[in-house]
Amino acid sequence: MTERALELLGQKSPSLILDIGCGSGLSGEILSSIPPSLGGPHIWIGMDISASMLDIALQRDAEGDLLLSDIGQGVPFRAGTFDAAISISAIQWLCNAESSDTSPQRRLSRFFGGLYASLRRGGEGGVSVLCEE
């Protein structure tokens, strides 16, 4: 799915990519292994809400930087930081309300507002989101 996400992005040169819901770093490994002939390798930063999944990524010596963060609280990066972003089976979790005071609409708004701000303008990148069926 990560290879398909990259294909949809169409990055033609090495890029800084945000991996949203990076989990154990499997997608990041693919980003790091893209050959120069296909526009890579990419540098990536992964964010995930699960400390245990990020621990697995650390144990696997993931090449990207990792951030423990709830995407429903926003994307905590400076404006224009990333060339592109990918998410494999993570965005749908924004709609889960874990308590009665949690608003999926606010979580979605914080996430997409922060994501939009964190992406560089005028580049070839974008966002590629793939979810399992």
Protein backbone atom coordinates (compact mmCIF):
# COMPACT_ATOMS: atom_id res chain seq x y z
CA MET A 1 0.00 0.00 0.00
CA THR A 2 2.92 2.34 0.68
CA GLU A 3 4.27 1.84 -2.81
CA ARG A 4 0.84 2.71 -4.21
CA ALA A 5 0.67 5.82 -2.00
CA LEU A 6 4.04 6.94 -3.36
CA GLU A 7 2.93 6.24 -6.89
CA LEU A 8 -0.10 8.50 -6.33
CA LEU A 9 2.13 11.23 -4.90
CA GLY A 10 4.46 11.13 -7.87
CA GLN A 11 7.54 12.40 -6.00
CA LYS A 12 10.31 12.72 -8.59
CA SER A 13 13.14 13.52 -6.18
CA PRO A 14 14.12 12.72 -2.59
CA SER A 15 11.56 14.33 -0.29
CA LEU A 16 10.78 14.88 3.37
CA ILE A 17 7.61 12.87 3.96
CA LEU A 18 5.33 12.73 7.00
CA ASP A 19 4.13 9.20 7.72
CA ILE A 20 0.84 9.66 9.57
CA GLY A 21 0.09 6.69 11.82
CA CYS A 22 3.49 5.15 11.11
CA GLY A 23 3.05 2.26 13.55
CA SER A 24 6.06 -0.04 13.52
CA GLY A 25 7.77 1.83 10.68
CA LEU A 26 7.03 -0.56 7.82
CA SER A 27 5.99 2.22 5.45
CA GLY A 28 9.02 4.24 6.48
CA GLU A 29 11.31 1.37 5.50
CA ILE A 30 9.83 1.50 2.02
CA LEU A 31 10.24 5.29 1.86
CA SER A 32 13.91 4.94 2.84
CA SER A 33 14.54 2.20 0.29
CA ILE A 34 13.21 3.89 -2.86
CA PRO A 35 16.11 3.98 -5.34
CA PRO A 36 17.32 7.24 -6.91
CA SER A 37 16.01 6.08 -10.29
CA LEU A 38 12.49 6.21 -8.80
CA GLY A 39 12.90 9.53 -6.97
CA GLY A 40 14.25 8.34 -3.62
CA PRO A 41 15.42 7.63 -1.12
CA HIS A 42 13.04 9.70 0.99
CA ILE A 43 13.57 11.05 4.47
CA TRP A 44 10.59 10.54 6.74
CA ILE A 45 9.15 11.46 10.08
CA GLY A 46 6.54 9.15 11.52
CA MET A 47 3.88 10.02 14.06
CA ASP A 48 1.70 7.53 15.91
CA ILE A 49 -0.49 7.45 19.01
CA SER A 50 0.80 4.01 20.09
CA ALA A 51 3.96 3.99 22.18
CA SER A 52 4.21 0.22 21.82
CA MET A 53 4.15 0.45 18.02
CA LEU A 54 6.82 3.14 18.06
CA ASP A 55 8.90 0.92 20.37
CA ILE A 56 8.74 -1.78 17.71
CA ALA A 57 9.93 0.74 15.12
CA LEU A 58 12.85 1.64 17.40
CA GLN A 59 13.72 -2.03 17.92
CA ARG A 60 13.71 -2.49 14.16
CA ASP A 61 16.12 0.48 13.83
CA ALA A 62 13.72 2.53 11.70
CA GLU A 63 15.62 5.20 9.78
CA GLY A 64 13.02 7.92 10.27
CA ASP A 65 12.42 10.12 13.27
CA LEU A 66 9.46 9.10 15.40
CA LEU A 67 6.94 11.19 17.31
CA LEU A 68 4.43 9.92 19.87
CA SER A 69 1.38 12.03 19.07
CA ASP A 70 -2.39 11.86 18.64
CA ILE A 71 -3.16 13.13 15.13
CA GLY A 72 -6.57 14.24 16.41
CA GLN A 73 -4.77 16.91 18.42
CA GLY A 74 -3.21 18.33 15.27
CA VAL A 75 0.05 18.04 13.36
CA PRO A 76 2.71 19.76 15.50
CA PHE A 77 5.19 20.85 12.86
CA ARG A 78 6.26 24.22 11.52
CA ALA A 79 4.39 25.49 8.46
CA GLY A 80 5.82 24.21 5.18
CA THR A 81 7.96 21.48 6.78
CA PHE A 82 7.00 18.54 4.57
CA ASP A 83 7.11 17.94 0.85
CA ALA A 84 4.38 15.30 1.13
CA ALA A 85 2.50 13.07 3.55
CA ILE A 86 1.22 9.51 3.47
CA SER A 87 -1.15 7.61 5.69
CA ILE A 88 -1.84 3.92 5.47
CA SER A 89 -4.96 2.86 7.39
CA ALA A 90 -4.82 5.55 10.09
CA ILE A 91 -7.05 8.52 9.21
CA GLN A 92 -10.28 6.59 9.78
CA TRP A 93 -9.47 6.41 13.52
CA LEU A 94 -10.03 10.17 13.81
CA CYS A 95 -13.77 9.50 13.76
CA ASN A 96 -13.70 7.32 16.88
CA ALA A 97 -14.95 9.09 20.00
CA GLU A 98 -13.22 7.63 23.04
CA SER A 99 -15.37 9.63 25.46
CA SER A 100 -18.55 11.68 25.38
CA ASP A 101 -16.55 14.94 25.34
CA THR A 102 -14.54 13.92 22.27
CA SER A 103 -15.79 15.44 19.03
CA PRO A 104 -14.80 13.63 15.82
CA GLN A 105 -15.50 16.87 13.93
CA ARG A 106 -12.99 18.80 16.07
CA ARG A 107 -10.41 16.01 15.77
CA LEU A 108 -10.79 16.01 11.97
CA SER A 109 -10.57 19.79 11.82
CA ARG A 110 -7.43 19.94 14.01
CA PHE A 111 -5.78 17.21 12.01
CA PHE A 112 -6.50 18.52 8.52
CA GLY A 113 -5.79 22.13 9.49
CA GLY A 114 -2.40 21.16 10.93
CA LEU A 115 -1.61 18.85 8.03
CA TYR A 116 -2.41 21.52 5.46
CA ALA A 117 -0.20 24.02 7.27
CA SER A 118 2.71 21.57 7.56
CA LEU A 119 2.89 20.91 3.80
CA ARG A 120 5.18 22.99 1.60
CA ARG A 121 3.38 25.07 -1.02
CA GLY A 122 4.16 25.03 -4.70
CA GLY A 123 5.89 21.67 -4.76
CA GLU A 124 5.10 18.44 -6.50
CA GLY A 125 3.92 16.72 -3.30
CA GLY A 126 0.61 16.26 -1.64
CA VAL A 127 -1.14 13.78 0.60
CA SER A 128 -1.79 10.16 -0.21
CA VAL A 129 -4.21 8.33 2.09
CA LEU A 130 -4.98 4.67 1.67
CA CYS A 131 -7.29 2.69 3.94
CA GLU A 132 -7.92 -1.02 4.15
CA GLU A 133 -11.29 -2.17 2.92
